[in-house]
């Protein structure tokens, strides 16, 4: 996504990347990025929680004007389930290679 954002920026289109995998966001920086400490695939929160989805999006857009340098990465103040990080092991399990059938 950061590659696409960089190309769009070169063509004069401002971009903002919202992501959940900080190490990748640091390795391949976009012109402007915000990090949400949520599980992969849940960038805006739990399914069927439109209020949280809107809250995260509004917070990300509010950061847009605060960027002062290219390739900055800012943290949004959200945590999954009050800081419980048990979801990380579920993601690791999903990413482990599976034996062939």
PDB file of N, CA and C in Angstrom:
ATOM      1  N   UNK A   1       0.813  -1.194   0.000  1.00  0.00           N
ATOM      2  CA  UNK A   1       0.000   0.000   0.000  1.00  0.00           C
ATOM      3  C   UNK A   1       0.855   1.255   0.000  1.00  0.00           C
ATOM      4  N   UNK A   2       1.996   1.206   0.701  1.00  0.00           N
ATOM      5  CA  UNK A   2       2.821   2.407   0.768  1.00  0.00           C
ATOM      6  C   UNK A   2       3.375   2.775  -0.606  1.00  0.00           C
ATOM      7  N   UNK A   3       3.651   1.778  -1.432  1.00  0.00           N
ATOM      8  CA  UNK A   3       4.132   2.062  -2.787  1.00  0.00           C
ATOM      9  C   UNK A   3       3.079   2.838  -3.577  1.00  0.00           C
ATOM     10  N   UNK A   4       1.846   2.396  -3.485  1.00  0.00           N
ATOM     11  CA  UNK A   4       0.748   3.087  -4.173  1.00  0.00           C
ATOM     12  C   UNK A   4       0.589   4.504  -3.631  1.00  0.00           C
ATOM     13  N   UNK A   5       0.658   4.637  -2.308  1.00  0.00           N
ATOM     14  CA  UNK A   5       0.540   5.964  -1.693  1.00  0.00           C
ATOM     15  C   UNK A   5       1.651   6.887  -2.175  1.00  0.00           C
ATOM     16  N   UNK A   6       2.868   6.373  -2.270  1.00  0.00           N
ATOM     17  CA  UNK A   6       3.983   7.202  -2.738  1.00  0.00           C
ATOM     18  C   UNK A   6       3.802   7.632  -4.188  1.00  0.00           C
ATOM     19  N   UNK A   7       3.311   6.737  -5.029  1.00  0.00           N
ATOM     20  CA  UNK A   7       3.064   7.082  -6.432  1.00  0.00           C
ATOM     21  C   UNK A   7       1.966   8.144  -6.529  1.00  0.00           C
ATOM     22  N   UNK A   8       0.895   7.968  -5.778  1.00  0.00           N
ATOM     23  CA  UNK A   8      -0.182   8.968  -5.792  1.00  0.00           C
ATOM     24  C   UNK A   8       0.318  10.330  -5.321  1.00  0.00           C
ATOM     25  N   UNK A   9       1.144  10.329  -4.281  1.00  0.00           N
ATOM     26  CA  UNK A   9       1.695  11.587  -3.765  1.00  0.00           C
ATOM     27  C   UNK A   9       2.543  12.284  -4.829  1.00  0.00           C
ATOM     28  N   UNK A  10       3.326  11.517  -5.578  1.00  0.00           N
ATOM     29  CA  UNK A  10       4.149  12.105  -6.639  1.00  0.00           C
ATOM     30  C   UNK A  10       3.286  12.762  -7.708  1.00  0.00           C
ATOM     31  N   UNK A  11       2.050  12.314  -7.811  1.00  0.00           N
ATOM     32  CA  UNK A  11       1.115  12.891  -8.797  1.00  0.00           C
ATOM     33  C   UNK A  11       0.229  13.967  -8.184  1.00  0.00           C
ATOM     34  N   UNK A  12       0.538  14.351  -6.944  1.00  0.00           N
ATOM     35  CA  UNK A  12      -0.179  15.449  -6.308  1.00  0.00           C
ATOM     36  C   UNK A  12      -1.415  15.071  -5.517  1.00  0.00           C
ATOM     37  N   UNK A  13      -1.615  13.781  -5.263  1.00  0.00           N
ATOM     38  CA  UNK A  13      -2.780  13.333  -4.503  1.00  0.00           C
ATOM     39  C   UNK A  13      -2.338  13.023  -3.066  1.00  0.00           C
ATOM     40  N   UNK A  14      -2.787  13.786  -2.083  1.00  0.00           N
ATOM     41  CA  UNK A  14      -2.408  13.506  -0.693  1.00  0.00           C
ATOM     42  C   UNK A  14      -2.979  12.163  -0.230  1.00  0.00           C
ATOM     43  N   UNK A  15      -2.186  11.422   0.524  1.00  0.00           N
ATOM     44  CA  UNK A  15      -2.613  10.103   0.995  1.00  0.00           C
ATOM     45  C   UNK A  15      -2.368   9.962   2.495  1.00  0.00           C
ATOM     46  N   UNK A  16      -3.076   9.010   3.085  1.00  0.00           N
ATOM     47  CA  UNK A  16      -2.902   8.657   4.490  1.00  0.00           C
ATOM     48  C   UNK A  16      -3.114   7.156   4.609  1.00  0.00           C
ATOM     49  N   UNK A  17      -2.093   6.442   5.046  1.00  0.00           N
ATOM     50  CA  UNK A  17      -2.191   5.007   5.224  1.00  0.00           C
ATOM     51  C   UNK A  17      -2.578   4.714   6.669  1.00  0.00           C
ATOM     52  N   UNK A  18      -3.557   3.843   6.862  1.00  0.00           N
ATOM     53  CA  UNK A  18      -3.980   3.415   8.197  1.00  0.00           C
ATOM     54  C   UNK A  18      -3.643   1.930   8.286  1.00  0.00           C
ATOM     55  N   UNK A  19      -2.785   1.558   9.240  1.00  0.00           N
ATOM     56  CA  UNK A  19      -2.335   0.177   9.290  1.00  0.00           C
ATOM     57  C   UNK A  19      -2.259  -0.397  10.684  1.00  0.00           C
ATOM     58  N   UNK A  20      -2.095  -1.735  10.725  1.00  0.00           N
ATOM     59  CA  UNK A  20      -2.060  -2.451  11.996  1.00  0.00           C
ATOM     60  C   UNK A  20      -0.776  -3.252  12.195  1.00  0.00           C
ATOM     61  N   UNK A  21       0.155  -3.191  11.257  1.00  0.00           N
ATOM     62  CA  UNK A  21       1.408  -3.939  11.371  1.00  0.00           C
ATOM     63  C   UNK A  21       2.558  -2.940  11.365  1.00  0.00           C
ATOM     64  N   UNK A  22       2.925  -2.518  12.545  1.00  0.00           N
ATOM     65  CA  UNK A  22       3.882  -1.424  12.701  1.00  0.00           C
ATOM     66  C   UNK A  22       5.233  -1.709  12.038  1.00  0.00           C
ATOM     67  N   UNK A  23       5.768  -2.925  12.197  1.00  0.00           N
ATOM     68  CA  UNK A  23       7.093  -3.176  11.635  1.00  0.00           C
ATOM     69  C   UNK A  23       7.110  -3.043  10.111  1.00  0.00           C
ATOM     70  N   UNK A  24       6.063  -3.482   9.464  1.00  0.00           N
ATOM     71  CA  UNK A  24       5.982  -3.320   8.003  1.00  0.00           C
ATOM     72  C   UNK A  24       5.823  -1.847   7.651  1.00  0.00           C
ATOM     73  N   UNK A  25       5.025  -1.136   8.414  1.00  0.00           N
ATOM     74  CA  UNK A  25       4.823   0.288   8.154  1.00  0.00           C
ATOM     75  C   UNK A  25       6.131   1.072   8.314  1.00  0.00           C
ATOM     76  N   UNK A  26       6.992   0.632   9.231  1.00  0.00           N
ATOM     77  CA  UNK A  26       8.284   1.284   9.419  1.00  0.00           C
ATOM     78  C   UNK A  26       9.262   0.916   8.310  1.00  0.00           C
ATOM     79  N   UNK A  27       9.208  -0.317   7.829  1.00  0.00           N
ATOM     80  CA  UNK A  27      10.120  -0.776   6.779  1.00  0.00           C
ATOM     81  C   UNK A  27       9.788  -0.193   5.409  1.00  0.00           C
ATOM     82  N   UNK A  28       8.505   0.010   5.147  1.00  0.00           N
ATOM     83  CA  UNK A  28       8.065   0.548   3.857  1.00  0.00           C
ATOM     84  C   UNK A  28       7.169   1.757   4.127  1.00  0.00           C
ATOM     85  N   UNK A  29       7.779   2.892   4.465  1.00  0.00           N
ATOM     86  CA  UNK A  29       6.972   4.039   4.878  1.00  0.00           C
ATOM     87  C   UNK A  29       6.166   4.669   3.749  1.00  0.00           C
ATOM     88  N   UNK A  30       4.981   5.061   4.111  1.00  0.00           N
ATOM     89  CA  UNK A  30       4.121   5.842   3.216  1.00  0.00           C
ATOM     90  C   UNK A  30       4.358   7.320   3.528  1.00  0.00           C
ATOM     91  N   UNK A  31       3.884   8.216   2.695  1.00  0.00           N
ATOM     92  CA  UNK A  31       4.061   9.647   2.975  1.00  0.00           C
ATOM     93  C   UNK A  31       3.502  10.058   4.338  1.00  0.00           C
ATOM     94  N   UNK A  32       2.352   9.514   4.705  1.00  0.00           N
ATOM     95  CA  UNK A  32       1.730   9.763   6.003  1.00  0.00           C
ATOM     96  C   UNK A  32       1.074   8.461   6.434  1.00  0.00           C
ATOM     97  N   UNK A  33       1.333   8.054   7.695  1.00  0.00           N
ATOM     98  CA  UNK A  33       0.748   6.801   8.191  1.00  0.00           C
ATOM     99  C   UNK A  33       0.301   6.961   9.625  1.00  0.00           C
ATOM    100  N   UNK A  34      -0.777   6.271   9.949  1.00  0.00           N
ATOM    101  CA  UNK A  34      -1.197   6.145  11.344  1.00  0.00           C
ATOM    102  C   UNK A  34      -1.298   4.661  11.675  1.00  0.00           C
ATOM    103  N   UNK A  35      -0.825   4.330  12.871  1.00  0.00           N
ATOM    104  CA  UNK A  35      -0.830   2.949  13.352  1.00  0.00           C
ATOM    105  C   UNK A  35      -1.976   2.762  14.330  1.00  0.00           C
ATOM    106  N   UNK A  36      -2.727   1.683  14.141  1.00  0.00           N
ATOM    107  CA  UNK A  36      -3.804   1.304  15.048  1.00  0.00           C
ATOM    108  C   UNK A  36      -3.413  -0.046  15.639  1.00  0.00           C
ATOM    109  N   UNK A  37      -3.347  -0.149  16.955  1.00  0.00           N
ATOM    110  CA  UNK A  37      -2.917  -1.373  17.617  1.00  0.00           C
ATOM    111  C   UNK A  37      -4.073  -2.367  17.728  1.00  0.00           C
ATOM    112  N   UNK A  38      -4.528  -2.814  16.565  1.00  0.00           N
ATOM    113  CA  UNK A  38      -5.615  -3.772  16.448  1.00  0.00           C
ATOM    114  C   UNK A  38      -5.106  -4.974  15.658  1.00  0.00           C
ATOM    115  N   UNK A  39      -5.799  -6.107  15.724  1.00  0.00           N
ATOM    116  CA  UNK A  39      -5.387  -7.272  14.939  1.00  0.00           C
ATOM    117  C   UNK A  39      -5.416  -6.988  13.433  1.00  0.00           C
ATOM    118  N   UNK A  40      -4.581  -7.718  12.722  1.00  0.00           N
ATOM    119  CA  UNK A  40      -4.566  -7.628  11.265  1.00  0.00           C
ATOM    120  C   UNK A  40      -5.962  -7.931  10.736  1.00  0.00           C
ATOM    121  N   UNK A  41      -6.423  -7.123   9.819  1.00  0.00           N
ATOM    122  CA  UNK A  41      -7.747  -7.311   9.253  1.00  0.00           C
ATOM    123  C   UNK A  41      -8.855  -6.645  10.045  1.00  0.00           C
ATOM    124  N   UNK A  42      -8.501  -6.022  11.148  1.00  0.00           N
ATOM    125  CA  UNK A  42      -9.492  -5.343  11.993  1.00  0.00           C
ATOM    126  C   UNK A  42      -9.082  -3.885  12.200  1.00  0.00           C
ATOM    127  N   UNK A  43      -8.629  -3.245  11.149  1.00  0.00           N
ATOM    128  CA  UNK A  43      -8.073  -1.892  11.221  1.00  0.00           C
ATOM    129  C   UNK A  43      -9.001  -0.908  11.912  1.00  0.00           C
ATOM    130  N   UNK A  44     -10.289  -1.059  11.719  1.00  0.00           N
ATOM    131  CA  UNK A  44     -11.239  -0.104  12.282  1.00  0.00           C
ATOM    132  C   UNK A  44     -11.996  -0.650  13.488  1.00  0.00           C
ATOM    133  N   UNK A  45     -11.641  -1.846  13.958  1.00  0.00           N
ATOM    134  CA  UNK A  45     -12.289  -2.410  15.131  1.00  0.00           C
ATOM    135  C   UNK A  45     -13.027  -3.695  14.824  1.00  0.00           C
ATOM    136  N   UNK A  46     -13.828  -4.099  15.766  1.00  0.00           N
ATOM    137  CA  UNK A  46     -14.580  -5.347  15.635  1.00  0.00           C
ATOM    138  C   UNK A  46     -15.651  -5.233  14.548  1.00  0.00           C
ATOM    139  N   UNK A  47     -15.961  -6.344  13.903  1.00  0.00           N
ATOM    140  CA  UNK A  47     -17.063  -6.325  12.938  1.00  0.00           C
ATOM    141  C   UNK A  47     -18.361  -5.876  13.619  1.00  0.00           C
ATOM    142  N   UNK A  48     -19.223  -5.269  12.883  1.00  0.00           N
ATOM    143  CA  UNK A  48     -20.538  -4.848  13.375  1.00  0.00           C
ATOM    144  C   UNK A  48     -20.458  -3.810  14.496  1.00  0.00           C
ATOM    145  N   UNK A  49     -19.421  -2.978  14.461  1.00  0.00           N
ATOM    146  CA  UNK A  49     -19.293  -1.891  15.434  1.00  0.00           C
ATOM    147  C   UNK A  49     -19.066  -0.580  14.673  1.00  0.00           C
ATOM    148  N   UNK A  50     -20.105  -0.110  13.955  1.00  0.00           N
ATOM    149  CA  UNK A  50     -19.925   1.066  13.107  1.00  0.00           C
ATOM    150  C   UNK A  50     -19.498   2.318  13.870  1.00  0.00           C
ATOM    151  N   UNK A  51     -19.890   2.422  15.122  1.00  0.00           N
ATOM    152  CA  UNK A  51     -19.481   3.601  15.890  1.00  0.00           C
ATOM    153  C   UNK A  51     -17.957   3.625  16.071  1.00  0.00           C
ATOM    154  N   UNK A  52     -17.361   2.468  16.386  1.00  0.00           N
ATOM    155  CA  UNK A  52     -15.908   2.396  16.524  1.00  0.00           C
ATOM    156  C   UNK A  52     -15.230   2.624  15.177  1.00  0.00           C
ATOM    157  N   UNK A  53     -15.788   2.068  14.123  1.00  0.00           N
ATOM    158  CA  UNK A  53     -15.230   2.268  12.785  1.00  0.00           C
ATOM    159  C   UNK A  53     -15.157   3.764  12.475  1.00  0.00           C
ATOM    160  N   UNK A  54     -16.234   4.468  12.750  1.00  0.00           N
ATOM    161  CA  UNK A  54     -16.271   5.917  12.507  1.00  0.00           C
ATOM    162  C   UNK A  54     -15.298   6.660  13.407  1.00  0.00           C
ATOM    163  N   UNK A  55     -15.155   6.223  14.650  1.00  0.00           N
ATOM    164  CA  UNK A  55     -14.245   6.870  15.599  1.00  0.00           C
ATOM    165  C   UNK A  55     -12.795   6.744  15.142  1.00  0.00           C
ATOM    166  N   UNK A  56     -12.412   5.547  14.710  1.00  0.00           N
ATOM    167  CA  UNK A  56     -11.040   5.329  14.234  1.00  0.00           C
ATOM    168  C   UNK A  56     -10.791   6.155  12.976  1.00  0.00           C
ATOM    169  N   UNK A  57     -11.720   6.126  12.039  1.00  0.00           N
ATOM    170  CA  UNK A  57     -11.544   6.899  10.812  1.00  0.00           C
ATOM    171  C   UNK A  57     -11.450   8.392  11.109  1.00  0.00           C
ATOM    172  N   UNK A  58     -12.306   8.897  11.972  1.00  0.00           N
ATOM    173  CA  UNK A  58     -12.268  10.322  12.327  1.00  0.00           C
ATOM    174  C   UNK A  58     -10.931  10.683  12.985  1.00  0.00           C
ATOM    175  N   UNK A  59     -10.429   9.810  13.860  1.00  0.00           N
ATOM    176  CA  UNK A  59      -9.135  10.070  14.509  1.00  0.00           C
ATOM    177  C   UNK A  59      -8.003  10.081  13.483  1.00  0.00           C
ATOM    178  N   UNK A  60      -8.050   9.154  12.539  1.00  0.00           N
ATOM    179  CA  UNK A  60      -7.016   9.109  11.501  1.00  0.00           C
ATOM    180  C   UNK A  60      -7.054  10.373  10.653  1.00  0.00           C
ATOM    181  N   UNK A  61      -8.226  10.773  10.238  1.00  0.00           N
ATOM    182  CA  UNK A  61      -8.344  11.979   9.415  1.00  0.00           C
ATOM    183  C   UNK A  61      -7.954  13.235  10.182  1.00  0.00           C
ATOM    184  N   UNK A  62      -8.199  13.258  11.485  1.00  0.00           N
ATOM    185  CA  UNK A  62      -7.807  14.405  12.307  1.00  0.00           C
ATOM    186  C   UNK A  62      -6.284  14.538  12.369  1.00  0.00           C
ATOM    187  N   UNK A  63      -5.574  13.433  12.251  1.00  0.00           N
ATOM    188  CA  UNK A  63      -4.104  13.468  12.266  1.00  0.00           C
ATOM    189  C   UNK A  63      -3.532  14.041  10.973  1.00  0.00           C
ATOM    190  N   UNK A  64      -4.297  13.986   9.908  1.00  0.00           N
ATOM    191  CA  UNK A  64      -3.790  14.355   8.583  1.00  0.00           C
ATOM    192  C   UNK A  64      -3.085  15.712   8.599  1.00  0.00           C
ATOM    193  N   UNK A  65      -3.692  16.690   9.205  1.00  0.00           N
ATOM    194  CA  UNK A  65      -3.120  18.047   9.185  1.00  0.00           C
ATOM    195  C   UNK A  65      -1.956  18.210  10.166  1.00  0.00           C
ATOM    196  N   UNK A  66      -1.711  17.220  11.009  1.00  0.00           N
ATOM    197  CA  UNK A  66      -0.641  17.326  12.012  1.00  0.00           C
ATOM    198  C   UNK A  66       0.704  16.813  11.518  1.00  0.00           C
ATOM    199  N   UNK A  67       0.735  16.214  10.350  1.00  0.00           N
ATOM    200  CA  UNK A  67       1.998  15.722   9.814  1.00  0.00           C
ATOM    201  C   UNK A  67       2.853  16.913   9.385  1.00  0.00           C
ATOM    202  N   UNK A  68       4.120  16.906   9.828  1.00  0.00           N
ATOM    203  CA  UNK A  68       5.017  18.021   9.535  1.00  0.00           C
ATOM    204  C   UNK A  68       6.183  17.622   8.651  1.00  0.00           C
ATOM    205  N   UNK A  69       6.438  16.321   8.521  1.00  0.00           N
ATOM    206  CA  UNK A  69       7.547  15.821   7.714  1.00  0.00           C
ATOM    207  C   UNK A  69       7.074  14.626   6.890  1.00  0.00           C
ATOM    208  N   UNK A  70       7.732  14.383   5.765  1.00  0.00           N
ATOM    209  CA  UNK A  70       7.379  13.200   4.970  1.00  0.00           C
ATOM    210  C   UNK A  70       7.703  11.905   5.717  1.00  0.00           C
ATOM    211  N   UNK A  71       6.930  10.888   5.432  1.00  0.00           N
ATOM    212  CA  UNK A  71       7.129   9.531   5.932  1.00  0.00           C
ATOM    213  C   UNK A  71       6.997   9.403   7.443  1.00  0.00           C
ATOM    214  N   UNK A  72       6.199  10.261   8.035  1.00  0.00           N
ATOM    215  CA  UNK A  72       5.940  10.155   9.467  1.00  0.00           C
ATOM    216  C   UNK A  72       4.938   9.040   9.745  1.00  0.00           C
ATOM    217  N   UNK A  73       5.105   8.427  10.906  1.00  0.00           N
ATOM    218  CA  UNK A  73       4.189   7.389  11.392  1.00  0.00           C
ATOM    219  C   UNK A  73       3.711   7.823  12.768  1.00  0.00           C
ATOM    220  N   UNK A  74       2.425   7.986  12.900  1.00  0.00           N
ATOM    221  CA  UNK A  74       1.841   8.434  14.172  1.00  0.00           C
ATOM    222  C   UNK A  74       0.957   7.326  14.727  1.00  0.00           C
ATOM    223  N   UNK A  75       0.883   7.249  16.050  1.00  0.00           N
ATOM    224  CA  UNK A  75       0.052   6.242  16.719  1.00  0.00           C
ATOM    225  C   UNK A  75      -1.313   6.820  17.049  1.00  0.00           C
ATOM    226  N   UNK A  76      -2.352   6.032  16.791  1.00  0.00           N
ATOM    227  CA  UNK A  76      -3.685   6.399  17.254  1.00  0.00           C
ATOM    228  C   UNK A  76      -3.885   5.782  18.640  1.00  0.00           C
ATOM    229  N   UNK A  77      -4.679   6.415  19.495  1.00  0.00           N
ATOM    230  CA  UNK A  77      -4.759   6.004  20.906  1.00  0.00           C
ATOM    231  C   UNK A  77      -5.752   4.879  21.203  1.00  0.00           C
ATOM    232  N   UNK A  78      -5.821   3.884  20.344  1.00  0.00           N
ATOM    233  CA  UNK A  78      -6.784   2.803  20.541  1.00  0.00           C
ATOM    234  C   UNK A  78      -6.063   1.510  20.887  1.00  0.00           C
ATOM    235  N   UNK A  79      -6.678   0.702  21.752  1.00  0.00           N
ATOM    236  CA  UNK A  79      -6.171  -0.624  22.080  1.00  0.00           C
ATOM    237  C   UNK A  79      -7.319  -1.615  21.976  1.00  0.00           C
ATOM    238  N   UNK A  80      -6.986  -2.800  21.522  1.00  0.00           N
ATOM    239  CA  UNK A  80      -7.966  -3.858  21.374  1.00  0.00           C
ATOM    240  C   UNK A  80      -8.338  -4.409  22.748  1.00  0.00           C
ATOM    241  N   UNK A  81      -9.599  -4.464  23.067  1.00  0.00           N
ATOM    242  CA  UNK A  81     -10.125  -5.069  24.304  1.00  0.00           C
ATOM    243  C   UNK A  81      -9.359  -4.609  25.540  1.00  0.00           C
ATOM    244  N   UNK A  82      -9.169  -3.313  25.656  1.00  0.00           N
ATOM    245  CA  UNK A  82      -8.540  -2.764  26.853  1.00  0.00           C
ATOM    246  C   UNK A  82      -7.089  -3.155  27.038  1.00  0.00           C
ATOM    247  N   UNK A  83      -6.389  -3.445  25.957  1.00  0.00           N
ATOM    248  CA  UNK A  83      -4.974  -3.759  26.053  1.00  0.00           C
ATOM    249  C   UNK A  83      -4.653  -5.239  26.023  1.00  0.00           C
ATOM    250  N   UNK A  84      -5.665  -6.103  25.997  1.00  0.00           N
ATOM    251  CA  UNK A  84      -5.427  -7.543  25.928  1.00  0.00           C
ATOM    252  C   UNK A  84      -4.823  -7.877  24.567  1.00  0.00           C
ATOM    253  N   UNK A  85      -3.672  -8.520  24.572  1.00  0.00           N
ATOM    254  CA  UNK A  85      -2.980  -8.819  23.320  1.00  0.00           C
ATOM    255  C   UNK A  85      -3.051 -10.315  22.975  1.00  0.00           C
ATOM    256  N   UNK A  86      -4.021 -11.028  23.526  1.00  0.00           N
ATOM    257  CA  UNK A  86      -4.139 -12.458  23.249  1.00  0.00           C
ATOM    258  C   UNK A  86      -4.402 -12.728  21.766  1.00  0.00           C
ATOM    259  N   UNK A  87      -4.918 -11.765  21.060  1.00  0.00           N
ATOM    260  CA  UNK A  87      -5.179 -11.929  19.634  1.00  0.00           C
ATOM    261  C   UNK A  87      -3.896 -12.148  18.837  1.00  0.00           C
ATOM    262  N   UNK A  88      -2.753 -11.722  19.362  1.00  0.00           N
ATOM    263  CA  UNK A  88      -1.505 -11.872  18.618  1.00  0.00           C
ATOM    264  C   UNK A  88      -1.191 -13.338  18.336  1.00  0.00           C
ATOM    265  N   UNK A  89      -1.424 -14.217  19.309  1.00  0.00           N
ATOM    266  CA  UNK A  89      -1.146 -15.637  19.093  1.00  0.00           C
ATOM    267  C   UNK A  89      -2.084 -16.221  18.037  1.00  0.00           C
ATOM    268  N   UNK A  90      -3.322 -15.780  17.992  1.00  0.00           N
ATOM    269  CA  UNK A  90      -4.244 -16.249  16.948  1.00  0.00           C
ATOM    270  C   UNK A  90      -3.738 -15.863  15.566  1.00  0.00           C
ATOM    271  N   UNK A  91      -3.217 -14.657  15.440  1.00  0.00           N
ATOM    272  CA  UNK A  91      -2.675 -14.206  14.152  1.00  0.00           C
ATOM    273  C   UNK A  91      -1.453 -15.037  13.789  1.00  0.00           C
ATOM    274  N   UNK A  92      -0.573 -15.286  14.762  1.00  0.00           N
ATOM    275  CA  UNK A  92       0.614 -16.118  14.496  1.00  0.00           C
ATOM    276  C   UNK A  92       0.210 -17.501  13.996  1.00  0.00           C
ATOM    277  N   UNK A  93      -0.800 -18.080  14.622  1.00  0.00           N
ATOM    278  CA  UNK A  93      -1.266 -19.404  14.201  1.00  0.00           C
ATOM    279  C   UNK A  93      -1.793 -19.364  12.773  1.00  0.00           C
ATOM    280  N   UNK A  94      -2.517 -18.317  12.431  1.00  0.00           N
ATOM    281  CA  UNK A  94      -3.047 -18.199  11.075  1.00  0.00           C
ATOM    282  C   UNK A  94      -1.935 -18.068  10.044  1.00  0.00           C
ATOM    283  N   UNK A  95      -0.830 -17.458  10.432  1.00  0.00           N
ATOM    284  CA  UNK A  95       0.266 -17.198   9.499  1.00  0.00           C
ATOM    285  C   UNK A  95       1.251 -18.356   9.384  1.00  0.00           C
ATOM    286  N   UNK A  96       1.179 -19.321  10.299  1.00  0.00           N
ATOM    287  CA  UNK A  96       2.096 -20.455  10.231  1.00  0.00           C
ATOM    288  C   UNK A  96       1.795 -21.293   8.992  1.00  0.00           C
ATOM    289  N   UNK A  97       2.865 -21.768   8.335  1.00  0.00           N
ATOM    290  CA  UNK A  97       2.634 -22.639   7.157  1.00  0.00           C
ATOM    291  C   UNK A  97       1.899 -23.909   7.581  1.00  0.00           C
ATOM    292  N   UNK A  98       1.024 -24.333   6.722  1.00  0.00           N
ATOM    293  CA  UNK A  98       0.255 -25.556   6.991  1.00  0.00           C
ATOM    294  C   UNK A  98       0.874 -26.697   6.196  1.00  0.00           C
ATOM    295  N   UNK A  99       0.844 -27.895   6.766  1.00  0.00           N
ATOM    296  CA  UNK A  99       1.377 -29.039   6.008  1.00  0.00           C
ATOM    297  C   UNK A  99       0.518 -29.310   4.780  1.00  0.00           C
ATOM    298  N   UNK A 100       1.137 -29.791   3.716  1.00  0.00           N
ATOM    299  CA  UNK A 100       0.340 -30.102   2.515  1.00  0.00           C
ATOM    300  C   UNK A 100      -0.680 -31.192   2.794  1.00  0.00           C
ATOM    301  N   UNK A 101      -1.756 -31.144   2.058  1.00  0.00           N
ATOM    302  CA  UNK A 101      -2.831 -32.137   2.226  1.00  0.00           C
ATOM    303  C   UNK A 101      -2.543 -33.347   1.387  1.00  0.00           C
TER     304      UNK A 101
END
